[in-house]
Amino acid sequence: MLGKLAEARGLLLDDWQTKAEFFASTTPRVAFLRHLIALLKSQTNTPFLGQLKTLLAGPELPVAADVAVPWDMGYFIEYLSPKLPPGSAEFLAALVAAQNDRAKLPDLDRFPEWRDQPPLPLDAPWPAE
């Protein structure tokens, strides 16, 4: 919300590259936020959404005990909506809903950006900024 996208990219990259255990309440959120930054910067051809798909469609991950679930991002998406490509806010809200409740994962198939995105390996490199 402060517009410090370069700083956020660096922090997210550090989090992604940390060899820590994956958690449902943290790991997909890192890929989601990096995808959101790519949308704000009009970057295409990035691995973030494919990696998020791998995480959400793969085996269920444990939840970190000290991280809030569900993830409330509605206010954030609404704030950024005017800066996002048309239709992106609805898709992002559906992505958050699927992260909060895996039963909502099939709802994402109505969005071509999800439906057409193949899952990508989690070790696929992130683009250099």
N, C-alpha and C. Protein backbone atom coordinates (compact mmCIF):
# COMPACT_ATOMS: atom_id res chain seq x y z
N MET A 1 0.82 -1.18 0.00
CA MET A 1 0.00 0.00 0.00
C MET A 1 0.87 1.25 0.00
N LEU A 2 2.11 1.12 0.39
CA LEU A 2 3.03 2.25 0.39
C LEU A 2 3.68 2.47 -0.96
N GLY A 3 3.47 1.55 -1.89
CA GLY A 3 4.05 1.68 -3.22
C GLY A 3 5.53 1.30 -3.29
N LYS A 4 6.04 0.63 -2.31
CA LYS A 4 7.45 0.22 -2.28
C LYS A 4 7.59 -1.16 -2.91
N LEU A 5 7.30 -1.23 -4.21
CA LEU A 5 7.26 -2.52 -4.89
C LEU A 5 8.63 -3.17 -4.99
N ALA A 6 9.67 -2.39 -5.23
CA ALA A 6 11.02 -2.97 -5.33
C ALA A 6 11.43 -3.59 -3.99
N GLU A 7 11.14 -2.90 -2.92
CA GLU A 7 11.46 -3.44 -1.59
C GLU A 7 10.65 -4.71 -1.32
N ALA A 8 9.37 -4.67 -1.66
CA ALA A 8 8.52 -5.85 -1.46
C ALA A 8 9.01 -7.03 -2.29
N ARG A 9 9.41 -6.76 -3.54
CA ARG A 9 9.94 -7.85 -4.40
C ARG A 9 11.13 -8.52 -3.74
N GLY A 10 12.04 -7.72 -3.20
CA GLY A 10 13.23 -8.27 -2.55
C GLY A 10 12.88 -9.11 -1.34
N LEU A 11 11.98 -8.63 -0.53
CA LEU A 11 11.57 -9.38 0.66
C LEU A 11 10.88 -10.69 0.29
N LEU A 12 10.02 -10.63 -0.72
CA LEU A 12 9.33 -11.85 -1.16
C LEU A 12 10.31 -12.86 -1.75
N LEU A 13 11.28 -12.37 -2.51
CA LEU A 13 12.30 -13.28 -3.06
C LEU A 13 13.08 -13.95 -1.94
N ASP A 14 13.47 -13.18 -0.93
CA ASP A 14 14.18 -13.76 0.21
C ASP A 14 13.34 -14.83 0.89
N ASP A 15 12.04 -14.53 1.08
CA ASP A 15 11.15 -15.51 1.71
C ASP A 15 11.05 -16.77 0.87
N TRP A 16 10.91 -16.59 -0.46
CA TRP A 16 10.73 -17.73 -1.35
C TRP A 16 11.98 -18.62 -1.37
N GLN A 17 13.14 -18.00 -1.32
CA GLN A 17 14.39 -18.76 -1.43
C GLN A 17 14.83 -19.38 -0.10
N THR A 18 14.21 -18.98 0.98
CA THR A 18 14.54 -19.56 2.28
C THR A 18 14.15 -21.03 2.27
N LYS A 19 15.04 -21.86 2.68
CA LYS A 19 14.77 -23.31 2.70
C LYS A 19 14.05 -23.68 4.00
N ALA A 20 12.83 -23.19 4.11
CA ALA A 20 12.02 -23.47 5.29
C ALA A 20 10.86 -24.37 4.89
N GLU A 21 10.21 -24.93 5.90
CA GLU A 21 9.05 -25.78 5.65
C GLU A 21 7.93 -24.96 5.00
N PHE A 22 7.21 -25.59 4.08
CA PHE A 22 6.08 -24.92 3.43
C PHE A 22 4.86 -25.02 4.34
N PHE A 23 4.11 -23.93 4.40
CA PHE A 23 2.87 -23.89 5.17
C PHE A 23 1.76 -23.31 4.31
N ALA A 24 0.55 -23.83 4.48
CA ALA A 24 -0.60 -23.34 3.72
C ALA A 24 -0.90 -21.88 4.03
N SER A 25 -0.56 -21.44 5.23
CA SER A 25 -0.88 -20.08 5.65
C SER A 25 0.23 -19.07 5.34
N THR A 26 1.31 -19.51 4.69
CA THR A 26 2.38 -18.57 4.35
C THR A 26 2.89 -18.73 2.92
N THR A 27 3.27 -19.91 2.54
CA THR A 27 3.94 -20.13 1.25
C THR A 27 3.10 -19.67 0.05
N PRO A 28 1.83 -20.05 -0.07
CA PRO A 28 1.05 -19.55 -1.21
C PRO A 28 0.89 -18.03 -1.19
N ARG A 29 0.91 -17.45 0.00
CA ARG A 29 0.76 -15.99 0.12
C ARG A 29 1.95 -15.26 -0.49
N VAL A 30 3.12 -15.83 -0.37
CA VAL A 30 4.31 -15.22 -0.96
C VAL A 30 4.18 -15.19 -2.48
N ALA A 31 3.80 -16.32 -3.07
CA ALA A 31 3.62 -16.37 -4.53
C ALA A 31 2.48 -15.46 -4.97
N PHE A 32 1.39 -15.41 -4.19
CA PHE A 32 0.27 -14.54 -4.50
C PHE A 32 0.72 -13.08 -4.54
N LEU A 33 1.42 -12.65 -3.51
CA LEU A 33 1.86 -11.25 -3.45
C LEU A 33 2.82 -10.92 -4.58
N ARG A 34 3.67 -11.86 -4.93
CA ARG A 34 4.61 -11.60 -6.04
C ARG A 34 3.85 -11.52 -7.36
N HIS A 35 2.80 -12.34 -7.51
CA HIS A 35 1.96 -12.25 -8.70
C HIS A 35 1.25 -10.89 -8.74
N LEU A 36 0.79 -10.44 -7.60
CA LEU A 36 0.12 -9.14 -7.52
C LEU A 36 1.06 -8.01 -7.95
N ILE A 37 2.30 -8.05 -7.50
CA ILE A 37 3.28 -7.04 -7.91
C ILE A 37 3.50 -7.11 -9.42
N ALA A 38 3.57 -8.31 -9.97
CA ALA A 38 3.75 -8.45 -11.42
C ALA A 38 2.57 -7.81 -12.16
N LEU A 39 1.36 -7.98 -11.65
CA LEU A 39 0.20 -7.34 -12.26
C LEU A 39 0.32 -5.82 -12.21
N LEU A 40 0.73 -5.30 -11.06
CA LEU A 40 0.87 -3.85 -10.91
C LEU A 40 1.94 -3.28 -11.83
N LYS A 41 2.96 -4.08 -12.13
CA LYS A 41 4.06 -3.63 -12.99
C LYS A 41 3.86 -4.05 -14.44
N SER A 42 2.68 -4.59 -14.76
CA SER A 42 2.37 -5.06 -16.12
C SER A 42 3.39 -6.06 -16.64
N GLN A 43 3.88 -6.91 -15.74
CA GLN A 43 4.83 -7.95 -16.12
C GLN A 43 4.05 -9.21 -16.49
N THR A 44 4.39 -9.76 -17.62
CA THR A 44 3.76 -11.00 -18.04
C THR A 44 4.83 -12.09 -18.08
N ASN A 45 4.38 -13.28 -18.31
CA ASN A 45 5.33 -14.39 -18.46
C ASN A 45 6.16 -14.61 -17.21
N THR A 46 5.52 -14.60 -16.06
CA THR A 46 6.20 -14.83 -14.80
C THR A 46 5.76 -16.18 -14.23
N PRO A 47 6.55 -16.78 -13.37
CA PRO A 47 6.20 -18.11 -12.84
C PRO A 47 5.26 -18.09 -11.64
N PHE A 48 4.94 -16.92 -11.10
CA PHE A 48 4.27 -16.85 -9.81
C PHE A 48 2.91 -17.54 -9.77
N LEU A 49 2.09 -17.28 -10.76
CA LEU A 49 0.76 -17.88 -10.78
C LEU A 49 0.85 -19.39 -10.97
N GLY A 50 1.78 -19.84 -11.81
CA GLY A 50 1.97 -21.28 -12.00
C GLY A 50 2.46 -21.97 -10.74
N GLN A 51 3.32 -21.29 -9.99
CA GLN A 51 3.79 -21.86 -8.73
C GLN A 51 2.67 -21.85 -7.69
N LEU A 52 1.86 -20.80 -7.69
CA LEU A 52 0.72 -20.77 -6.79
C LEU A 52 -0.25 -21.90 -7.12
N LYS A 53 -0.44 -22.17 -8.40
CA LYS A 53 -1.31 -23.27 -8.81
C LYS A 53 -0.75 -24.61 -8.33
N THR A 54 0.55 -24.78 -8.42
CA THR A 54 1.18 -26.00 -7.91
C THR A 54 0.90 -26.16 -6.42
N LEU A 55 1.03 -25.08 -5.68
CA LEU A 55 0.81 -25.14 -4.23
C LEU A 55 -0.65 -25.42 -3.87
N LEU A 56 -1.57 -24.73 -4.55
CA LEU A 56 -2.98 -24.88 -4.19
C LEU A 56 -3.58 -26.20 -4.67
N ALA A 57 -3.10 -26.71 -5.80
CA ALA A 57 -3.65 -27.95 -6.35
C ALA A 57 -2.91 -29.19 -5.85
N GLY A 58 -1.79 -28.98 -5.19
CA GLY A 58 -0.99 -30.10 -4.70
C GLY A 58 -1.48 -30.60 -3.35
N PRO A 59 -0.65 -31.41 -2.72
CA PRO A 59 -1.01 -31.93 -1.40
C PRO A 59 -1.25 -30.79 -0.40
N GLU A 60 -2.21 -30.99 0.46
CA GLU A 60 -2.53 -29.96 1.45
C GLU A 60 -1.34 -29.77 2.40
N LEU A 61 -1.00 -28.52 2.61
CA LEU A 61 0.12 -28.17 3.48
C LEU A 61 -0.37 -27.92 4.90
N PRO A 62 0.51 -28.10 5.89
CA PRO A 62 0.10 -27.78 7.26
C PRO A 62 -0.07 -26.27 7.42
N VAL A 63 -0.81 -25.88 8.44
CA VAL A 63 -1.02 -24.46 8.73
C VAL A 63 -0.06 -24.06 9.85
N ALA A 64 0.63 -22.94 9.66
CA ALA A 64 1.53 -22.43 10.70
C ALA A 64 0.67 -21.93 11.87
N ALA A 65 1.03 -22.34 13.05
CA ALA A 65 0.22 -22.05 14.23
C ALA A 65 0.13 -20.56 14.54
N ASP A 66 1.13 -19.79 14.18
CA ASP A 66 1.18 -18.39 14.56
C ASP A 66 0.79 -17.43 13.43
N VAL A 67 0.11 -17.93 12.39
CA VAL A 67 -0.29 -17.10 11.25
C VAL A 67 -1.81 -17.13 11.13
N ALA A 68 -2.40 -15.96 10.95
CA ALA A 68 -3.86 -15.84 10.88
C ALA A 68 -4.45 -16.56 9.68
N VAL A 69 -5.51 -17.30 9.94
CA VAL A 69 -6.31 -17.95 8.90
C VAL A 69 -7.75 -17.68 9.30
N PRO A 70 -8.61 -17.22 8.43
CA PRO A 70 -8.38 -16.95 7.02
C PRO A 70 -7.60 -15.66 6.80
N TRP A 71 -7.13 -15.53 5.57
CA TRP A 71 -6.35 -14.37 5.15
C TRP A 71 -7.33 -13.32 4.64
N ASP A 72 -7.41 -12.19 5.31
CA ASP A 72 -8.33 -11.13 4.92
C ASP A 72 -7.60 -10.13 4.04
N MET A 73 -7.84 -10.21 2.74
CA MET A 73 -7.16 -9.32 1.78
C MET A 73 -8.13 -8.46 0.99
N GLY A 74 -9.42 -8.53 1.33
CA GLY A 74 -10.41 -7.77 0.59
C GLY A 74 -10.12 -6.28 0.54
N TYR A 75 -9.78 -5.70 1.68
CA TYR A 75 -9.47 -4.27 1.73
C TYR A 75 -8.27 -3.92 0.87
N PHE A 76 -7.28 -4.79 0.84
CA PHE A 76 -6.05 -4.57 0.09
C PHE A 76 -6.32 -4.62 -1.42
N ILE A 77 -7.05 -5.63 -1.82
CA ILE A 77 -7.40 -5.77 -3.24
C ILE A 77 -8.27 -4.60 -3.68
N GLU A 78 -9.22 -4.21 -2.84
CA GLU A 78 -10.07 -3.06 -3.17
C GLU A 78 -9.24 -1.79 -3.32
N TYR A 79 -8.29 -1.58 -2.43
CA TYR A 79 -7.42 -0.41 -2.50
C TYR A 79 -6.62 -0.38 -3.81
N LEU A 80 -6.11 -1.54 -4.22
CA LEU A 80 -5.28 -1.62 -5.41
C LEU A 80 -6.07 -1.73 -6.71
N SER A 81 -7.35 -2.02 -6.62
CA SER A 81 -8.17 -2.28 -7.79
C SER A 81 -8.02 -1.25 -8.91
N PRO A 82 -8.01 0.06 -8.63
CA PRO A 82 -7.87 1.03 -9.73
C PRO A 82 -6.52 0.94 -10.46
N LYS A 83 -5.53 0.34 -9.82
CA LYS A 83 -4.20 0.24 -10.42
C LYS A 83 -3.98 -1.08 -11.15
N LEU A 84 -4.95 -1.98 -11.05
CA LEU A 84 -4.82 -3.32 -11.62
C LEU A 84 -5.48 -3.39 -13.00
N PRO A 85 -5.05 -4.35 -13.83
CA PRO A 85 -5.74 -4.56 -15.10
C PRO A 85 -7.21 -4.90 -14.86
N PRO A 86 -8.09 -4.58 -15.81
CA PRO A 86 -9.51 -4.88 -15.66
C PRO A 86 -9.75 -6.37 -15.37
N GLY A 87 -10.63 -6.63 -14.41
CA GLY A 87 -10.98 -8.00 -14.06
C GLY A 87 -10.03 -8.66 -13.07
N SER A 88 -8.89 -8.06 -12.82
CA SER A 88 -7.89 -8.68 -11.94
C SER A 88 -8.34 -8.74 -10.49
N ALA A 89 -9.04 -7.71 -10.03
CA ALA A 89 -9.45 -7.69 -8.62
C ALA A 89 -10.37 -8.86 -8.29
N GLU A 90 -11.29 -9.18 -9.19
CA GLU A 90 -12.20 -10.31 -8.96
C GLU A 90 -11.41 -11.62 -8.92
N PHE A 91 -10.46 -11.76 -9.83
CA PHE A 91 -9.63 -12.97 -9.85
C PHE A 91 -8.80 -13.08 -8.58
N LEU A 92 -8.19 -11.97 -8.16
CA LEU A 92 -7.36 -12.00 -6.95
C LEU A 92 -8.20 -12.35 -5.72
N ALA A 93 -9.41 -11.81 -5.65
CA ALA A 93 -10.29 -12.15 -4.53
C ALA A 93 -10.62 -13.64 -4.53
N ALA A 94 -10.84 -14.21 -5.71
CA ALA A 94 -11.11 -15.65 -5.80
C ALA A 94 -9.88 -16.46 -5.41
N LEU A 95 -8.70 -15.97 -5.75
CA LEU A 95 -7.46 -16.65 -5.35
C LEU A 95 -7.31 -16.67 -3.83
N VAL A 96 -7.61 -15.56 -3.19
CA VAL A 96 -7.55 -15.51 -1.73
C VAL A 96 -8.57 -16.46 -1.13
N ALA A 97 -9.78 -16.46 -1.68
CA ALA A 97 -10.82 -17.36 -1.18
C ALA A 97 -10.37 -18.82 -1.28
N ALA A 98 -9.72 -19.19 -2.38
CA ALA A 98 -9.24 -20.56 -2.55
C ALA A 98 -8.10 -20.89 -1.59
N GLN A 99 -7.30 -19.89 -1.26
CA GLN A 99 -6.24 -20.12 -0.28
C GLN A 99 -6.83 -20.33 1.11
N ASN A 100 -7.92 -19.64 1.39
CA ASN A 100 -8.58 -19.77 2.69
C ASN A 100 -9.39 -21.05 2.81
N ASP A 101 -9.88 -21.55 1.68
CA ASP A 101 -10.74 -22.73 1.68
C ASP A 101 -10.54 -23.49 0.37
N ARG A 102 -9.81 -24.60 0.43
CA ARG A 102 -9.49 -25.36 -0.78
C ARG A 102 -10.73 -25.87 -1.52
N ALA A 103 -11.87 -25.92 -0.86
CA ALA A 103 -13.10 -26.33 -1.53
C ALA A 103 -13.50 -25.32 -2.60
N LYS A 104 -12.97 -24.11 -2.53
CA LYS A 104 -13.27 -23.07 -3.52
C LYS A 104 -12.30 -23.07 -4.69
N LEU A 105 -11.37 -23.97 -4.70
CA LEU A 105 -10.39 -24.06 -5.78
C LEU A 105 -11.05 -24.23 -7.16
N PRO A 106 -12.09 -25.06 -7.31
CA PRO A 106 -12.73 -25.18 -8.63
C PRO A 106 -13.33 -23.88 -9.15
N ASP A 107 -13.67 -22.95 -8.25
CA ASP A 107 -14.21 -21.65 -8.68
C ASP A 107 -13.22 -20.88 -9.53
N LEU A 108 -11.94 -21.16 -9.39
CA LEU A 108 -10.92 -20.44 -10.15
C LEU A 108 -10.94 -20.80 -11.62
N ASP A 109 -11.52 -21.94 -11.97
CA ASP A 109 -11.52 -22.37 -13.37
C ASP A 109 -12.34 -21.46 -14.28
N ARG A 110 -13.13 -20.58 -13.73
CA ARG A 110 -13.89 -19.65 -14.58
C ARG A 110 -13.02 -18.50 -15.07
N PHE A 111 -11.81 -18.39 -14.52
CA PHE A 111 -10.88 -17.34 -14.94
C PHE A 111 -9.86 -17.92 -15.91
N PRO A 112 -9.78 -17.38 -17.13
CA PRO A 112 -8.84 -17.94 -18.11
C PRO A 112 -7.40 -17.90 -17.66
N GLU A 113 -7.02 -16.89 -16.90
CA GLU A 113 -5.63 -16.80 -16.45
C GLU A 113 -5.26 -17.96 -15.53
N TRP A 114 -6.24 -18.52 -14.83
CA TRP A 114 -6.00 -19.68 -13.98
C TRP A 114 -6.12 -20.96 -14.80
N ARG A 115 -7.20 -21.05 -15.54
CA ARG A 115 -7.50 -22.25 -16.33
C ARG A 115 -6.38 -22.54 -17.33
N ASP A 116 -5.83 -21.50 -17.95
CA ASP A 116 -4.81 -21.67 -18.98
C ASP A 116 -3.39 -21.74 -18.43
N GLN A 117 -3.24 -21.53 -17.14
CA GLN A 117 -1.91 -21.52 -16.52
C GLN A 117 -1.53 -22.94 -16.09
N PRO A 118 -0.46 -23.49 -16.66
CA PRO A 118 -0.03 -24.80 -16.17
C PRO A 118 0.66 -24.65 -14.81
N PRO A 119 0.56 -25.66 -13.98
CA PRO A 119 1.33 -25.64 -12.73
C PRO A 119 2.82 -25.59 -13.07
N LEU A 120 3.58 -24.89 -12.28
CA LEU A 120 5.03 -24.78 -12.50
C LEU A 120 5.77 -25.29 -11.28
N PRO A 121 6.97 -25.84 -11.49
CA PRO A 121 7.76 -26.31 -10.35
C PRO A 121 8.06 -25.16 -9.39
N LEU A 122 8.07 -25.48 -8.12
CA LEU A 122 8.33 -24.45 -7.12
C LEU A 122 9.76 -23.93 -7.18
N ASP A 123 10.64 -24.71 -7.80
CA ASP A 123 12.03 -24.25 -7.91
C ASP A 123 12.30 -23.49 -9.21
N ALA A 124 11.25 -23.23 -10.00
CA ALA A 124 11.43 -22.42 -11.21
C ALA A 124 11.94 -21.04 -10.79
N PRO A 125 12.98 -20.54 -11.45
CA PRO A 125 13.56 -19.26 -11.00
C PRO A 125 12.62 -18.10 -11.23
N TRP A 126 12.68 -17.18 -10.30
CA TRP A 126 11.93 -15.93 -10.45
C TRP A 126 12.73 -14.99 -11.33
N PRO A 127 12.06 -14.17 -12.12
CA PRO A 127 12.79 -13.27 -13.02
C PRO A 127 13.60 -12.24 -12.25
N ALA A 128 14.72 -11.87 -12.80
CA ALA A 128 15.55 -10.82 -12.20
C ALA A 128 14.85 -9.49 -12.43
N GLU A 129 14.92 -8.65 -11.46
CA GLU A 129 14.26 -7.33 -11.58
C GLU A 129 15.27 -6.30 -11.99
